[in-house]
Amino acid sequence: MKRFLVAVALLLAGSALASDSNEITVENVLRLLNERRAQSSLRPLAADDRLMRAANDRMRHMEEESYWGHHSPDGLSPFSWVTLRSYEFRSVGENLACGFDTARMLVEAWMESPGHRANILSNDYEDCGIAIIDGSTKGPANGKSIVMMFAKKKQPVQRAHVN
């Protein structure tokens, strides 16, 4: 019933209000990141279904194994999930964040971190996937945890035709 009431409230509020929300959602995080990219004259990132599933797989694995970090305790790279979802990448990156309550604070924190900022403002990425959960992968906690995968597709090999 609670979800139904929230959905009705969003419909009544209209799409303009919903898009201005500061809630941590895939749409809001992607919108704010693309605003930052536009300020740097970069093309917007596009949500890619394979990367969305890879980010969700990654988050679920961290929850099941109760860890938080770029590499799993058993040594798996964060990009294993991208490969498992059949996204053939030329370049790939990952941002993690936990304990955030608003999309703006999340994006501000990432922009203040040189490594996270480099991923956000990289021309090497065109697609992304985002996974969000309440709390922590290691147990109950305040705020939300976020996994963001960045990637660019591998370009097919161009073959010259000789006649």
C-alpha atoms as a PDB file:
ATOM      1  CA  MET A   1       0.000   0.000   0.000  1.00  0.00           C
ATOM      2  CA  LYS A   2       2.897   2.339   0.815  1.00  0.00           C
ATOM      3  CA  ARG A   3       4.385   1.948  -2.687  1.00  0.00           C
ATOM      4  CA  PHE A   4       0.984   2.623  -4.240  1.00  0.00           C
ATOM      5  CA  LEU A   5       0.601   5.858  -2.275  1.00  0.00           C
ATOM      6  CA  VAL A   6       4.084   7.006  -3.299  1.00  0.00           C
ATOM      7  CA  ALA A   7       3.327   6.265  -6.959  1.00  0.00           C
ATOM      8  CA  VAL A   8       0.043   8.197  -6.772  1.00  0.00           C
ATOM      9  CA  ALA A   9       1.795  11.133  -5.085  1.00  0.00           C
ATOM     10  CA  LEU A  10       4.418  11.246  -7.851  1.00  0.00           C
ATOM     11  CA  LEU A  11       1.736  11.141 -10.528  1.00  0.00           C
ATOM     12  CA  LEU A  12      -0.178  13.955  -8.852  1.00  0.00           C
ATOM     13  CA  ALA A  13       2.980  16.026  -8.394  1.00  0.00           C
ATOM     14  CA  GLY A  14       3.719  15.831 -12.115  1.00  0.00           C
ATOM     15  CA  SER A  15       6.854  14.817 -13.956  1.00  0.00           C
ATOM     16  CA  ALA A  16       8.584  18.211 -13.509  1.00  0.00           C
ATOM     17  CA  LEU A  17       8.576  17.871  -9.734  1.00  0.00           C
ATOM     18  CA  ALA A  18       9.626  14.225  -9.909  1.00  0.00           C
ATOM     19  CA  SER A  19      12.611  15.059 -12.160  1.00  0.00           C
ATOM     20  CA  ASP A  20      13.772  17.754  -9.721  1.00  0.00           C
ATOM     21  CA  SER A  21      13.774  15.299  -6.842  1.00  0.00           C
ATOM     22  CA  ASN A  22      16.908  14.916  -4.757  1.00  0.00           C
ATOM     23  CA  GLU A  23      16.150  11.288  -3.936  1.00  0.00           C
ATOM     24  CA  ILE A  24      18.871   8.814  -4.858  1.00  0.00           C
ATOM     25  CA  THR A  25      17.391   7.090  -7.898  1.00  0.00           C
ATOM     26  CA  VAL A  26      18.999   5.869 -11.102  1.00  0.00           C
ATOM     27  CA  GLU A  27      17.302   8.685 -13.006  1.00  0.00           C
ATOM     28  CA  ASN A  28      18.413  11.443 -10.620  1.00  0.00           C
ATOM     29  CA  VAL A  29      22.011  10.236 -10.317  1.00  0.00           C
ATOM     30  CA  LEU A  30      22.321   9.921 -14.096  1.00  0.00           C
ATOM     31  CA  ARG A  31      20.715  13.350 -14.637  1.00  0.00           C
ATOM     32  CA  LEU A  32      23.110  15.049 -12.188  1.00  0.00           C
ATOM     33  CA  LEU A  33      26.163  13.295 -13.627  1.00  0.00           C
ATOM     34  CA  ASN A  34      25.163  14.250 -17.165  1.00  0.00           C
ATOM     35  CA  GLU A  35      24.729  17.871 -16.053  1.00  0.00           C
ATOM     36  CA  ARG A  36      28.354  17.766 -14.840  1.00  0.00           C
ATOM     37  CA  ARG A  37      29.477  16.173 -18.104  1.00  0.00           C
ATOM     38  CA  ALA A  38      27.649  18.861 -20.109  1.00  0.00           C
ATOM     39  CA  GLN A  39      29.482  21.568 -18.139  1.00  0.00           C
ATOM     40  CA  SER A  40      32.706  19.989 -19.421  1.00  0.00           C
ATOM     41  CA  SER A  41      31.368  19.717 -23.011  1.00  0.00           C
ATOM     42  CA  LEU A  42      31.158  15.921 -22.794  1.00  0.00           C
ATOM     43  CA  ARG A  43      28.470  13.737 -24.301  1.00  0.00           C
ATOM     44  CA  PRO A  44      25.909  12.377 -21.840  1.00  0.00           C
ATOM     45  CA  LEU A  45      26.184   8.869 -20.477  1.00  0.00           C
ATOM     46  CA  ALA A  46      23.433   6.491 -21.581  1.00  0.00           C
ATOM     47  CA  ALA A  47      21.978   3.856 -19.291  1.00  0.00           C
ATOM     48  CA  ASP A  48      22.742   0.459 -20.814  1.00  0.00           C
ATOM     49  CA  ASP A  49      20.607  -2.525 -19.826  1.00  0.00           C
ATOM     50  CA  ARG A  50      23.585  -4.916 -19.706  1.00  0.00           C
ATOM     51  CA  LEU A  51      25.524  -2.529 -17.460  1.00  0.00           C
ATOM     52  CA  MET A  52      22.444  -2.007 -15.253  1.00  0.00           C
ATOM     53  CA  ARG A  53      22.222  -5.782 -14.769  1.00  0.00           C
ATOM     54  CA  ALA A  54      25.997  -5.998 -14.186  1.00  0.00           C
ATOM     55  CA  ALA A  55      25.813  -3.286 -11.484  1.00  0.00           C
ATOM     56  CA  ASN A  56      22.898  -5.099  -9.830  1.00  0.00           C
ATOM     57  CA  ASP A  57      24.743  -8.433 -10.008  1.00  0.00           C
ATOM     58  CA  ARG A  58      27.777  -6.773  -8.448  1.00  0.00           C
ATOM     59  CA  MET A  59      25.724  -5.230  -5.629  1.00  0.00           C
ATOM     60  CA  ARG A  60      23.988  -8.543  -4.941  1.00  0.00           C
ATOM     61  CA  HIS A  61      27.370 -10.346  -4.808  1.00  0.00           C
ATOM     62  CA  MET A  62      28.691  -7.819  -2.287  1.00  0.00           C
ATOM     63  CA  GLU A  63      25.538  -8.287  -0.182  1.00  0.00           C
ATOM     64  CA  GLU A  64      25.767 -12.099  -0.326  1.00  0.00           C
ATOM     65  CA  GLU A  65      29.469 -12.075   0.560  1.00  0.00           C
ATOM     66  CA  SER A  66      29.079  -9.189   3.053  1.00  0.00           C
ATOM     67  CA  TYR A  67      31.905  -6.981   1.752  1.00  0.00           C
ATOM     68  CA  TRP A  68      32.350  -3.512   0.276  1.00  0.00           C
ATOM     69  CA  GLY A  69      35.197  -2.796  -2.084  1.00  0.00           C
ATOM     70  CA  HIS A  70      36.407  -2.778  -5.641  1.00  0.00           C
ATOM     71  CA  HIS A  71      37.689  -6.353  -5.440  1.00  0.00           C
ATOM     72  CA  SER A  72      35.886  -9.255  -3.834  1.00  0.00           C
ATOM     73  CA  PRO A  73      37.487 -11.293  -1.028  1.00  0.00           C
ATOM     74  CA  ASP A  74      37.926 -14.128  -3.535  1.00  0.00           C
ATOM     75  CA  GLY A  75      39.779 -11.794  -5.941  1.00  0.00           C
ATOM     76  CA  LEU A  76      37.059 -11.105  -8.521  1.00  0.00           C
ATOM     77  CA  SER A  77      37.494  -7.866 -10.438  1.00  0.00           C
ATOM     78  CA  PRO A  78      34.518  -5.496 -10.435  1.00  0.00           C
ATOM     79  CA  PHE A  79      34.444  -5.826 -14.221  1.00  0.00           C
ATOM     80  CA  SER A  80      33.774  -9.572 -14.155  1.00  0.00           C
ATOM     81  CA  TRP A  81      30.066  -8.753 -14.000  1.00  0.00           C
ATOM     82  CA  VAL A  82      30.290  -6.553 -17.108  1.00  0.00           C
ATOM     83  CA  THR A  83      31.857  -9.410 -19.054  1.00  0.00           C
ATOM     84  CA  LEU A  84      29.269 -11.894 -17.725  1.00  0.00           C
ATOM     85  CA  ARG A  85      26.518  -9.635 -19.086  1.00  0.00           C
ATOM     86  CA  SER A  86      28.101  -9.777 -22.588  1.00  0.00           C
ATOM     87  CA  TYR A  87      29.096  -6.123 -22.774  1.00  0.00           C
ATOM     88  CA  GLU A  88      32.303  -6.157 -24.799  1.00  0.00           C
ATOM     89  CA  PHE A  89      34.140  -3.093 -23.565  1.00  0.00           C
ATOM     90  CA  ARG A  90      37.031  -1.021 -24.770  1.00  0.00           C
ATOM     91  CA  SER A  91      37.210   0.824 -21.460  1.00  0.00           C
ATOM     92  CA  VAL A  92      35.471   0.270 -18.133  1.00  0.00           C
ATOM     93  CA  GLY A  93      35.392   1.922 -14.703  1.00  0.00           C
ATOM     94  CA  GLU A  94      33.534   1.787 -11.410  1.00  0.00           C
ATOM     95  CA  ASN A  95      32.440   4.238  -8.718  1.00  0.00           C
ATOM     96  CA  LEU A  96      31.198   3.070  -5.316  1.00  0.00           C
ATOM     97  CA  ALA A  97      29.514   5.084  -2.590  1.00  0.00           C
ATOM     98  CA  CYS A  98      27.740   4.294   0.667  1.00  0.00           C
ATOM     99  CA  GLY A  99      25.958   6.193   3.396  1.00  0.00           C
ATOM    100  CA  PHE A 100      24.396   8.895   1.209  1.00  0.00           C
ATOM    101  CA  ASP A 101      20.892  10.312   1.622  1.00  0.00           C
ATOM    102  CA  THR A 102      20.600  12.669  -1.354  1.00  0.00           C
ATOM    103  CA  ALA A 103      21.594  12.489  -5.009  1.00  0.00           C
ATOM    104  CA  ARG A 104      23.210  15.933  -4.898  1.00  0.00           C
ATOM    105  CA  MET A 105      25.419  15.031  -1.924  1.00  0.00           C
ATOM    106  CA  LEU A 106      26.430  11.787  -3.629  1.00  0.00           C
ATOM    107  CA  VAL A 107      27.434  13.531  -6.852  1.00  0.00           C
ATOM    108  CA  GLU A 108      29.210  16.345  -4.955  1.00  0.00           C
ATOM    109  CA  ALA A 109      31.243  13.782  -2.999  1.00  0.00           C
ATOM    110  CA  TRP A 110      32.198  11.940  -6.186  1.00  0.00           C
ATOM    111  CA  MET A 111      33.190  15.221  -7.860  1.00  0.00           C
ATOM    112  CA  GLU A 112      35.458  16.090  -4.905  1.00  0.00           C
ATOM    113  CA  SER A 113      37.297  12.764  -5.212  1.00  0.00           C
ATOM    114  CA  PRO A 114      39.929  12.795  -7.986  1.00  0.00           C
ATOM    115  CA  GLY A 115      39.398   9.157  -8.987  1.00  0.00           C
ATOM    116  CA  HIS A 116      35.597   9.298  -8.972  1.00  0.00           C
ATOM    117  CA  ARG A 117      35.640  12.650 -10.796  1.00  0.00           C
ATOM    118  CA  ALA A 118      37.963  11.217 -13.453  1.00  0.00           C
ATOM    119  CA  ASN A 119      35.457   8.435 -14.176  1.00  0.00           C
ATOM    120  CA  ILE A 120      32.528  10.856 -14.342  1.00  0.00           C
ATOM    121  CA  LEU A 121      34.318  13.282 -16.659  1.00  0.00           C
ATOM    122  CA  SER A 122      36.087  10.712 -18.822  1.00  0.00           C
ATOM    123  CA  ASN A 123      35.578  10.836 -22.561  1.00  0.00           C
ATOM    124  CA  ASP A 124      36.433   7.111 -22.495  1.00  0.00           C
ATOM    125  CA  TYR A 125      32.904   6.245 -21.326  1.00  0.00           C
ATOM    126  CA  GLU A 126      29.571   6.414 -23.127  1.00  0.00           C
ATOM    127  CA  ASP A 127      27.357   3.947 -21.230  1.00  0.00           C
ATOM    128  CA  CYS A 128      26.636   3.254 -17.585  1.00  0.00           C
ATOM    129  CA  GLY A 129      24.786   1.041 -15.158  1.00  0.00           C
ATOM    130  CA  ILE A 130      23.689   1.997 -11.662  1.00  0.00           C
ATOM    131  CA  ALA A 131      22.543  -0.159  -8.723  1.00  0.00           C
ATOM    132  CA  ILE A 132      21.174   1.300  -5.488  1.00  0.00           C
ATOM    133  CA  ILE A 133      20.204  -0.333  -2.197  1.00  0.00           C
ATOM    134  CA  ASP A 134      19.078   0.959   1.166  1.00  0.00           C
ATOM    135  CA  GLY A 135      21.741   0.546   3.841  1.00  0.00           C
ATOM    136  CA  SER A 136      24.999  -1.304   3.395  1.00  0.00           C
ATOM    137  CA  THR A 137      26.154  -4.529   1.766  1.00  0.00           C
ATOM    138  CA  LYS A 138      27.645  -5.425   5.155  1.00  0.00           C
ATOM    139  CA  GLY A 139      24.418  -5.069   7.147  1.00  0.00           C
ATOM    140  CA  PRO A 140      22.022  -2.410   8.400  1.00  0.00           C
ATOM    141  CA  ALA A 141      23.260   1.162   7.959  1.00  0.00           C
ATOM    142  CA  ASN A 142      22.001   4.654   7.280  1.00  0.00           C
ATOM    143  CA  GLY A 143      21.783   6.006   3.758  1.00  0.00           C
ATOM    144  CA  LYS A 144      22.084   4.192   0.475  1.00  0.00           C
ATOM    145  CA  SER A 145      24.846   2.246  -1.234  1.00  0.00           C
ATOM    146  CA  ILE A 146      25.524   2.811  -4.913  1.00  0.00           C
ATOM    147  CA  VAL A 147      27.461   0.877  -7.562  1.00  0.00           C
ATOM    148  CA  MET A 148      28.073   2.673 -10.837  1.00  0.00           C
ATOM    149  CA  MET A 149      29.685   1.005 -13.828  1.00  0.00           C
ATOM    150  CA  PHE A 150      31.053   3.126 -16.694  1.00  0.00           C
ATOM    151  CA  ALA A 151      32.012   1.643 -20.062  1.00  0.00           C
ATOM    152  CA  LYS A 152      32.553   2.183 -23.742  1.00  0.00           C
ATOM    153  CA  LYS A 153      31.855  -0.537 -26.268  1.00  0.00           C
ATOM    154  CA  LYS A 154      34.654  -2.251 -28.092  1.00  0.00           C
ATOM    155  CA  GLN A 155      34.617  -1.042 -31.680  1.00  0.00           C
ATOM    156  CA  PRO A 156      34.285  -3.756 -34.314  1.00  0.00           C
ATOM    157  CA  VAL A 157      37.398  -4.366 -36.361  1.00  0.00           C
ATOM    158  CA  GLN A 158      37.207  -2.527 -39.693  1.00  0.00           C
ATOM    159  CA  ARG A 159      38.406  -4.656 -42.573  1.00  0.00           C
ATOM    160  CA  ALA A 160      39.665  -3.062 -45.741  1.00  0.00           C
ATOM    161  CA  HIS A 161      38.184  -4.402 -48.929  1.00  0.00           C
ATOM    162  CA  VAL A 162      40.667  -4.811 -51.731  1.00  0.00           C
ATOM    163  CA  ASN A 163      39.364  -5.297 -55.270  1.00  0.00           C
END
